[in-house]
Amino acid sequence: MTTTLRDAKARLSEMVKRASHGEEVVITVHGKETAKLVAVPKRAKKRDKEKWLRELDKLREENWTGRYGKRAQEIQDEDRAERL
C-alpha cells in the first residue's frame, strides 16, 4: 500500500495494524517514496535452557585448551616461550 504523509498521520493506527499483518506501507512526501512501515520480525522461540546448557558443555569439551584458570598474562608468556 502507498499513502501520503498527511494520510498516514491521520490513519496511523490503521497503517501500523496493516504493517503488523505483513503489508508494507510506503509513505510518500511530495510524490516521492520516503519511508516504509513494515512488521517487526518475529523472535525465534526461546531455546530450552537445559538444551542450551548441554550444547555449551559439548562446545567446551570440543574446544578445551587445557588452560582454564590461568591468567591472560600466563597464557601469553607460555605462547611466547613455545615460539622460541
PDB file of N, CA and C in Angstrom:
ATOM      1  N   MET A   1       0.838  -1.168   0.000  1.00  0.00           N
ATOM      2  CA  MET A   1       0.000   0.000   0.000  1.00  0.00           C
ATOM      3  C   MET A   1       0.890   1.240   0.000  1.00  0.00           C
ATOM      4  N   THR A   2       0.512   2.236  -0.732  1.00  0.00           N
ATOM      5  CA  THR A   2       1.222   3.508  -0.759  1.00  0.00           C
ATOM      6  C   THR A   2       0.269   4.598  -0.285  1.00  0.00           C
ATOM      7  N   THR A   3       0.778   5.494   0.546  1.00  0.00           N
ATOM      8  CA  THR A   3      -0.048   6.568   1.092  1.00  0.00           C
ATOM      9  C   THR A   3       0.788   7.835   1.259  1.00  0.00           C
ATOM     10  N   THR A   4       0.119   8.952   1.359  1.00  0.00           N
ATOM     11  CA  THR A   4       0.819  10.216   1.582  1.00  0.00           C
ATOM     12  C   THR A   4       1.110  10.383   3.074  1.00  0.00           C
ATOM     13  N   LEU A   5       2.018  11.248   3.386  1.00  0.00           N
ATOM     14  CA  LEU A   5       2.348  11.522   4.779  1.00  0.00           C
ATOM     15  C   LEU A   5       1.136  12.061   5.522  1.00  0.00           C
ATOM     16  N   ARG A   6       0.401  12.945   4.891  1.00  0.00           N
ATOM     17  CA  ARG A   6      -0.786  13.515   5.525  1.00  0.00           C
ATOM     18  C   ARG A   6      -1.802  12.428   5.860  1.00  0.00           C
ATOM     19  N   ASP A   7      -2.029  11.533   4.923  1.00  0.00           N
ATOM     20  CA  ASP A   7      -2.973  10.440   5.153  1.00  0.00           C
ATOM     21  C   ASP A   7      -2.448   9.481   6.227  1.00  0.00           C
ATOM     22  N   ALA A   8      -1.153   9.228   6.210  1.00  0.00           N
ATOM     23  CA  ALA A   8      -0.559   8.342   7.210  1.00  0.00           C
ATOM     24  C   ALA A   8      -0.699   8.925   8.610  1.00  0.00           C
ATOM     25  N   LYS A   9      -0.528  10.225   8.743  1.00  0.00           N
ATOM     26  CA  LYS A   9      -0.704  10.884  10.046  1.00  0.00           C
ATOM     27  C   LYS A   9      -2.136  10.701  10.540  1.00  0.00           C
ATOM     28  N   ALA A  10      -3.078  10.872   9.631  1.00  0.00           N
ATOM     29  CA  ALA A  10      -4.486  10.796  10.003  1.00  0.00           C
ATOM     30  C   ALA A  10      -4.924   9.376  10.338  1.00  0.00           C
ATOM     31  N   ARG A  11      -4.271   8.386   9.733  1.00  0.00           N
ATOM     32  CA  ARG A  11      -4.682   6.993   9.926  1.00  0.00           C
ATOM     33  C   ARG A  11      -3.530   6.118  10.405  1.00  0.00           C
ATOM     34  N   LEU A  12      -2.695   6.660  11.271  1.00  0.00           N
ATOM     35  CA  LEU A  12      -1.503   5.937  11.712  1.00  0.00           C
ATOM     36  C   LEU A  12      -1.830   4.586  12.343  1.00  0.00           C
ATOM     37  N   SER A  13      -2.825   4.538  13.191  1.00  0.00           N
ATOM     38  CA  SER A  13      -3.182   3.269  13.844  1.00  0.00           C
ATOM     39  C   SER A  13      -3.504   2.201  12.815  1.00  0.00           C
ATOM     40  N   GLU A  14      -4.262   2.569  11.813  1.00  0.00           N
ATOM     41  CA  GLU A  14      -4.618   1.619  10.757  1.00  0.00           C
ATOM     42  C   GLU A  14      -3.376   1.172   9.988  1.00  0.00           C
ATOM     43  N   MET A  15      -2.497   2.121   9.688  1.00  0.00           N
ATOM     44  CA  MET A  15      -1.282   1.794   8.936  1.00  0.00           C
ATOM     45  C   MET A  15      -0.388   0.829   9.727  1.00  0.00           C
ATOM     46  N   VAL A  16      -0.248   1.084  11.005  1.00  0.00           N
ATOM     47  CA  VAL A  16       0.571   0.209  11.856  1.00  0.00           C
ATOM     48  C   VAL A  16      -0.045  -1.184  11.914  1.00  0.00           C
ATOM     49  N   LYS A  17      -1.356  -1.244  12.020  1.00  0.00           N
ATOM     50  CA  LYS A  17      -2.029  -2.545  12.068  1.00  0.00           C
ATOM     51  C   LYS A  17      -1.804  -3.317  10.773  1.00  0.00           C
ATOM     52  N   ARG A  18      -1.921  -2.632   9.644  1.00  0.00           N
ATOM     53  CA  ARG A  18      -1.696  -3.289   8.358  1.00  0.00           C
ATOM     54  C   ARG A  18      -0.250  -3.787   8.245  1.00  0.00           C
ATOM     55  N   ALA A  19       0.678  -2.947   8.672  1.00  0.00           N
ATOM     56  CA  ALA A  19       2.089  -3.347   8.616  1.00  0.00           C
ATOM     57  C   ALA A  19       2.341  -4.548   9.515  1.00  0.00           C
ATOM     58  N   SER A  20       1.725  -4.567  10.681  1.00  0.00           N
ATOM     59  CA  SER A  20       1.946  -5.683  11.608  1.00  0.00           C
ATOM     60  C   SER A  20       1.388  -6.994  11.063  1.00  0.00           C
ATOM     61  N   HIS A  21       0.454  -6.903  10.119  1.00  0.00           N
ATOM     62  CA  HIS A  21      -0.093  -8.105   9.495  1.00  0.00           C
ATOM     63  C   HIS A  21       0.669  -8.480   8.223  1.00  0.00           C
ATOM     64  N   GLY A  22       1.797  -7.843   7.984  1.00  0.00           N
ATOM     65  CA  GLY A  22       2.658  -8.225   6.870  1.00  0.00           C
ATOM     66  C   GLY A  22       2.598  -7.335   5.647  1.00  0.00           C
ATOM     67  N   GLU A  23       1.707  -6.383   5.627  1.00  0.00           N
ATOM     68  CA  GLU A  23       1.606  -5.498   4.475  1.00  0.00           C
ATOM     69  C   GLU A  23       2.635  -4.370   4.597  1.00  0.00           C
ATOM     70  N   GLU A  24       3.321  -4.069   3.512  1.00  0.00           N
ATOM     71  CA  GLU A  24       4.250  -2.945   3.518  1.00  0.00           C
ATOM     72  C   GLU A  24       3.462  -1.679   3.228  1.00  0.00           C
ATOM     73  N   VAL A  25       3.689  -0.657   4.035  1.00  0.00           N
ATOM     74  CA  VAL A  25       3.023   0.624   3.844  1.00  0.00           C
ATOM     75  C   VAL A  25       4.098   1.639   3.474  1.00  0.00           C
ATOM     76  N   VAL A  26       4.059   2.091   2.235  1.00  0.00           N
ATOM     77  CA  VAL A  26       5.034   3.064   1.744  1.00  0.00           C
ATOM     78  C   VAL A  26       4.437   4.453   1.906  1.00  0.00           C
ATOM     79  N   ILE A  27       5.221   5.353   2.493  1.00  0.00           N
ATOM     80  CA  ILE A  27       4.758   6.724   2.725  1.00  0.00           C
ATOM     81  C   ILE A  27       5.489   7.655   1.767  1.00  0.00           C
ATOM     82  N   THR A  28       4.709   8.491   1.092  1.00  0.00           N
ATOM     83  CA  THR A  28       5.303   9.424   0.138  1.00  0.00           C
ATOM     84  C   THR A  28       5.206  10.848   0.662  1.00  0.00           C
ATOM     85  N   VAL A  29       6.191  11.653   0.261  1.00  0.00           N
ATOM     86  CA  VAL A  29       6.193  13.079   0.557  1.00  0.00           C
ATOM     87  C   VAL A  29       6.445  13.788  -0.773  1.00  0.00           C
ATOM     88  N   HIS A  30       5.518  14.626  -1.172  1.00  0.00           N
ATOM     89  CA  HIS A  30       5.587  15.327  -2.464  1.00  0.00           C
ATOM     90  C   HIS A  30       5.781  14.344  -3.615  1.00  0.00           C
ATOM     91  N   GLY A  31       5.101  13.201  -3.512  1.00  0.00           N
ATOM     92  CA  GLY A  31       5.120  12.220  -4.597  1.00  0.00           C
ATOM     93  C   GLY A  31       6.320  11.289  -4.608  1.00  0.00           C
ATOM     94  N   LYS A  32       7.251  11.473  -3.697  1.00  0.00           N
ATOM     95  CA  LYS A  32       8.442  10.617  -3.669  1.00  0.00           C
ATOM     96  C   LYS A  32       8.354   9.655  -2.483  1.00  0.00           C
ATOM     97  N   GLU A  33       8.662   8.386  -2.751  1.00  0.00           N
ATOM     98  CA  GLU A  33       8.667   7.402  -1.670  1.00  0.00           C
ATOM     99  C   GLU A  33       9.737   7.782  -0.664  1.00  0.00           C
ATOM    100  N   THR A  34       9.341   7.930   0.581  1.00  0.00           N
ATOM    101  CA  THR A  34      10.242   8.442   1.605  1.00  0.00           C
ATOM    102  C   THR A  34      10.474   7.460   2.745  1.00  0.00           C
ATOM    103  N   ALA A  35       9.439   6.726   3.122  1.00  0.00           N
ATOM    104  CA  ALA A  35       9.557   5.816   4.262  1.00  0.00           C
ATOM    105  C   ALA A  35       8.683   4.595   4.024  1.00  0.00           C
ATOM    106  N   LYS A  36       8.941   3.567   4.834  1.00  0.00           N
ATOM    107  CA  LYS A  36       8.169   2.345   4.713  1.00  0.00           C
ATOM    108  C   LYS A  36       7.893   1.788   6.098  1.00  0.00           C
ATOM    109  N   LEU A  37       6.655   1.416   6.358  1.00  0.00           N
ATOM    110  CA  LEU A  37       6.296   0.721   7.594  1.00  0.00           C
ATOM    111  C   LEU A  37       6.259  -0.766   7.279  1.00  0.00           C
ATOM    112  N   VAL A  38       6.973  -1.532   8.068  1.00  0.00           N
ATOM    113  CA  VAL A  38       6.967  -2.989   7.912  1.00  0.00           C
ATOM    114  C   VAL A  38       6.853  -3.621   9.286  1.00  0.00           C
ATOM    115  N   ALA A  39       6.454  -4.867   9.327  1.00  0.00           N
ATOM    116  CA  ALA A  39       6.318  -5.582  10.592  1.00  0.00           C
ATOM    117  C   ALA A  39       7.693  -5.876  11.176  1.00  0.00           C
ATOM    118  N   VAL A  40       7.760  -5.894  12.485  1.00  0.00           N
ATOM    119  CA  VAL A  40       8.990  -6.300  13.176  1.00  0.00           C
ATOM    120  C   VAL A  40       9.104  -7.806  13.026  1.00  0.00           C
ATOM    121  N   PRO A  41      10.297  -8.318  12.669  1.00  0.00           N
ATOM    122  CA  PRO A  41      10.439  -9.770  12.520  1.00  0.00           C
ATOM    123  C   PRO A  41      10.086 -10.488  13.821  1.00  0.00           C
ATOM    124  N   LYS A  42       9.427 -11.624  13.672  1.00  0.00           N
ATOM    125  CA  LYS A  42       9.069 -12.402  14.857  1.00  0.00           C
ATOM    126  C   LYS A  42      10.332 -12.976  15.474  1.00  0.00           C
ATOM    127  N   ARG A  43      10.349 -12.972  16.801  1.00  0.00           N
ATOM    128  CA  ARG A  43      11.500 -13.518  17.513  1.00  0.00           C
ATOM    129  C   ARG A  43      11.493 -15.035  17.406  1.00  0.00           C
ATOM    130  N   ALA A  44      12.679 -15.565  17.387  1.00  0.00           N
ATOM    131  CA  ALA A  44      12.793 -17.022  17.417  1.00  0.00           C
ATOM    132  C   ALA A  44      12.317 -17.509  18.775  1.00  0.00           C
ATOM    133  N   LYS A  45      11.863 -18.734  18.820  1.00  0.00           N
ATOM    134  CA  LYS A  45      11.420 -19.293  20.095  1.00  0.00           C
ATOM    135  C   LYS A  45      12.583 -19.308  21.066  1.00  0.00           C
ATOM    136  N   LYS A  46      12.246 -19.087  22.328  1.00  0.00           N
ATOM    137  CA  LYS A  46      13.286 -19.165  23.337  1.00  0.00           C
ATOM    138  C   LYS A  46      13.799 -20.590  23.388  1.00  0.00           C
ATOM    139  N   ARG A  47      15.107 -20.700  23.374  1.00  0.00           N
ATOM    140  CA  ARG A  47      15.695 -22.025  23.412  1.00  0.00           C
ATOM    141  C   ARG A  47      15.529 -22.616  24.799  1.00  0.00           C
ATOM    142  N   ASP A  48      15.339 -23.887  24.806  1.00  0.00           N
ATOM    143  CA  ASP A  48      15.231 -24.597  26.064  1.00  0.00           C
ATOM    144  C   ASP A  48      16.558 -24.445  26.812  1.00  0.00           C
ATOM    145  N   LYS A  49      16.487 -23.953  28.037  1.00  0.00           N
ATOM    146  CA  LYS A  49      17.695 -23.658  28.809  1.00  0.00           C
ATOM    147  C   LYS A  49      18.564 -24.897  28.999  1.00  0.00           C
ATOM    148  N   GLU A  50      17.950 -26.013  29.331  1.00  0.00           N
ATOM    149  CA  GLU A  50      18.717 -27.247  29.544  1.00  0.00           C
ATOM    150  C   GLU A  50      19.410 -27.684  28.257  1.00  0.00           C
ATOM    151  N   LYS A  51      18.718 -27.579  27.131  1.00  0.00           N
ATOM    152  CA  LYS A  51      19.317 -27.942  25.846  1.00  0.00           C
ATOM    153  C   LYS A  51      20.499 -27.024  25.542  1.00  0.00           C
ATOM    154  N   TRP A  52      20.305 -25.745  25.796  1.00  0.00           N
ATOM    155  CA  TRP A  52      21.373 -24.775  25.540  1.00  0.00           C
ATOM    156  C   TRP A  52      22.599 -25.077  26.395  1.00  0.00           C
ATOM    157  N   LEU A  53      22.381 -25.410  27.671  1.00  0.00           N
ATOM    158  CA  LEU A  53      23.493 -25.726  28.570  1.00  0.00           C
ATOM    159  C   LEU A  53      24.217 -26.987  28.120  1.00  0.00           C
ATOM    160  N   ARG A  54      23.488 -27.991  27.628  1.00  0.00           N
ATOM    161  CA  ARG A  54      24.133 -29.211  27.112  1.00  0.00           C
ATOM    162  C   ARG A  54      25.003 -28.886  25.907  1.00  0.00           C
ATOM    163  N   GLU A  55      24.467 -28.053  24.992  1.00  0.00           N
ATOM    164  CA  GLU A  55      25.240 -27.659  23.813  1.00  0.00           C
ATOM    165  C   GLU A  55      26.496 -26.888  24.212  1.00  0.00           C
ATOM    166  N   LEU A  56      26.362 -26.027  25.211  1.00  0.00           N
ATOM    167  CA  LEU A  56      27.500 -25.257  25.695  1.00  0.00           C
ATOM    168  C   LEU A  56      28.568 -26.180  26.282  1.00  0.00           C
ATOM    169  N   ASP A  57      28.153 -27.160  27.082  1.00  0.00           N
ATOM    170  CA  ASP A  57      29.104 -28.131  27.645  1.00  0.00           C
ATOM    171  C   ASP A  57      29.822 -28.902  26.545  1.00  0.00           C
ATOM    172  N   LYS A  58      29.076 -29.286  25.518  1.00  0.00           N
ATOM    173  CA  LYS A  58      29.677 -30.022  24.402  1.00  0.00           C
ATOM    174  C   LYS A  58      30.732 -29.157  23.705  1.00  0.00           C
ATOM    175  N   LEU A  59      30.405 -27.885  23.458  1.00  0.00           N
ATOM    176  CA  LEU A  59      31.372 -26.989  22.827  1.00  0.00           C
ATOM    177  C   LEU A  59      32.610 -26.796  23.691  1.00  0.00           C
ATOM    178  N   ARG A  60      32.404 -26.696  25.000  1.00  0.00           N
ATOM    179  CA  ARG A  60      33.550 -26.560  25.898  1.00  0.00           C
ATOM    180  C   ARG A  60      34.454 -27.769  25.824  1.00  0.00           C
ATOM    181  N   GLU A  61      33.864 -28.968  25.790  1.00  0.00           N
ATOM    182  CA  GLU A  61      34.667 -30.187  25.701  1.00  0.00           C
ATOM    183  C   GLU A  61      35.429 -30.250  24.387  1.00  0.00           C
ATOM    184  N   GLU A  62      34.767 -29.889  23.298  1.00  0.00           N
ATOM    185  CA  GLU A  62      35.409 -29.944  21.975  1.00  0.00           C
ATOM    186  C   GLU A  62      36.541 -28.939  21.836  1.00  0.00           C
ATOM    187  N   ASN A  63      36.436 -27.817  22.523  1.00  0.00           N
ATOM    188  CA  ASN A  63      37.405 -26.736  22.341  1.00  0.00           C
ATOM    189  C   ASN A  63      38.279 -26.505  23.565  1.00  0.00           C
ATOM    190  N   TRP A  64      38.359 -27.469  24.440  1.00  0.00           N
ATOM    191  CA  TRP A  64      39.150 -27.341  25.662  1.00  0.00           C
ATOM    192  C   TRP A  64      40.619 -27.162  25.319  1.00  0.00           C
ATOM    193  N   THR A  65      41.233 -26.144  25.847  1.00  0.00           N
ATOM    194  CA  THR A  65      42.641 -25.864  25.567  1.00  0.00           C
ATOM    195  C   THR A  65      43.549 -26.316  26.690  1.00  0.00           C
ATOM    196  N   GLY A  66      42.964 -26.695  27.810  1.00  0.00           N
ATOM    197  CA  GLY A  66      43.782 -27.105  28.947  1.00  0.00           C
ATOM    198  C   GLY A  66      44.324 -25.917  29.710  1.00  0.00           C
ATOM    199  N   ARG A  67      43.858 -24.748  29.387  1.00  0.00           N
ATOM    200  CA  ARG A  67      44.401 -23.541  30.004  1.00  0.00           C
ATOM    201  C   ARG A  67      43.390 -22.858  30.914  1.00  0.00           C
ATOM    202  N   TYR A  68      42.396 -23.550  31.327  1.00  0.00           N
ATOM    203  CA  TYR A  68      41.367 -22.963  32.167  1.00  0.00           C
ATOM    204  C   TYR A  68      41.950 -22.555  33.512  1.00  0.00           C
ATOM    205  N   GLY A  69      41.626 -21.378  33.961  1.00  0.00           N
ATOM    206  CA  GLY A  69      42.055 -20.928  35.271  1.00  0.00           C
ATOM    207  C   GLY A  69      43.343 -20.118  35.263  1.00  0.00           C
ATOM    208  N   LYS A  70      43.988 -20.010  34.121  1.00  0.00           N
ATOM    209  CA  LYS A  70      45.222 -19.229  34.066  1.00  0.00           C
ATOM    210  C   LYS A  70      44.892 -17.784  33.720  1.00  0.00           C
ATOM    211  N   ARG A  71      45.749 -16.913  34.190  1.00  0.00           N
ATOM    212  CA  ARG A  71      45.577 -15.505  33.849  1.00  0.00           C
ATOM    213  C   ARG A  71      46.032 -15.273  32.420  1.00  0.00           C
ATOM    214  N   ALA A  72      45.536 -14.208  31.825  1.00  0.00           N
ATOM    215  CA  ALA A  72      45.874 -13.896  30.439  1.00  0.00           C
ATOM    216  C   ALA A  72      47.380 -13.739  30.267  1.00  0.00           C
ATOM    217  N   GLN A  73      48.029 -13.117  31.226  1.00  0.00           N
ATOM    218  CA  GLN A  73      49.471 -12.905  31.127  1.00  0.00           C
ATOM    219  C   GLN A  73      50.221 -14.239  31.114  1.00  0.00           C
ATOM    220  N   GLU A  74      49.784 -15.202  31.920  1.00  0.00           N
ATOM    221  CA  GLU A  74      50.426 -16.513  31.947  1.00  0.00           C
ATOM    222  C   GLU A  74      50.283 -17.221  30.602  1.00  0.00           C
ATOM    223  N   ILE A  75      49.107 -17.117  29.991  1.00  0.00           N
ATOM    224  CA  ILE A  75      48.890 -17.739  28.688  1.00  0.00           C
ATOM    225  C   ILE A  75      49.772 -17.079  27.640  1.00  0.00           C
ATOM    226  N   GLN A  76      49.874 -15.769  27.662  1.00  0.00           N
ATOM    227  CA  GLN A  76      50.725 -15.068  26.706  1.00  0.00           C
ATOM    228  C   GLN A  76      52.189 -15.458  26.889  1.00  0.00           C
ATOM    229  N   ASP A  77      52.639 -15.550  28.132  1.00  0.00           N
ATOM    230  CA  ASP A  77      54.029 -15.930  28.403  1.00  0.00           C
ATOM    231  C   ASP A  77      54.319 -17.331  27.886  1.00  0.00           C
ATOM    232  N   GLU A  78      53.385 -18.270  28.098  1.00  0.00           N
ATOM    233  CA  GLU A  78      53.579 -19.631  27.599  1.00  0.00           C
ATOM    234  C   GLU A  78      53.645 -19.653  26.084  1.00  0.00           C
ATOM    235  N   ASP A  79      52.774 -18.916  25.420  1.00  0.00           N
ATOM    236  CA  ASP A  79      52.789 -18.875  23.964  1.00  0.00           C
ATOM    237  C   ASP A  79      54.099 -18.303  23.439  1.00  0.00           C
ATOM    238  N   ARG A  80      54.588 -17.270  24.094  1.00  0.00           N
ATOM    239  CA  ARG A  80      55.871 -16.675  23.664  1.00  0.00           C
ATOM    240  C   ARG A  80      57.008 -17.683  23.836  1.00  0.00           C
ATOM    241  N   ALA A  81      56.985 -18.404  24.956  1.00  0.00           N
ATOM    242  CA  ALA A  81      58.030 -19.395  25.217  1.00  0.00           C
ATOM    243  C   ALA A  81      57.989 -20.520  24.176  1.00  0.00           C
ATOM    244  N   GLU A  82      56.797 -20.937  23.770  1.00  0.00           N
ATOM    245  CA  GLU A  82      56.652 -22.003  22.779  1.00  0.00           C
ATOM    246  C   GLU A  82      57.186 -21.582  21.424  1.00  0.00           C
ATOM    247  N   ARG A  83      57.085 -20.288  21.085  1.00  0.00           N
ATOM    248  CA  ARG A  83      57.545 -19.812  19.786  1.00  0.00           C
ATOM    249  C   ARG A  83      59.062 -19.729  19.690  1.00  0.00           C
ATOM    250  N   LEU A  84      59.742 -19.717  20.813  1.00  0.00           N
ATOM    251  CA  LEU A  84      61.206 -19.585  20.797  1.00  0.00           C
ATOM    252  C   LEU A  84      61.896 -20.861  20.454  1.00  0.00           C
TER     253      LEU A  84
END
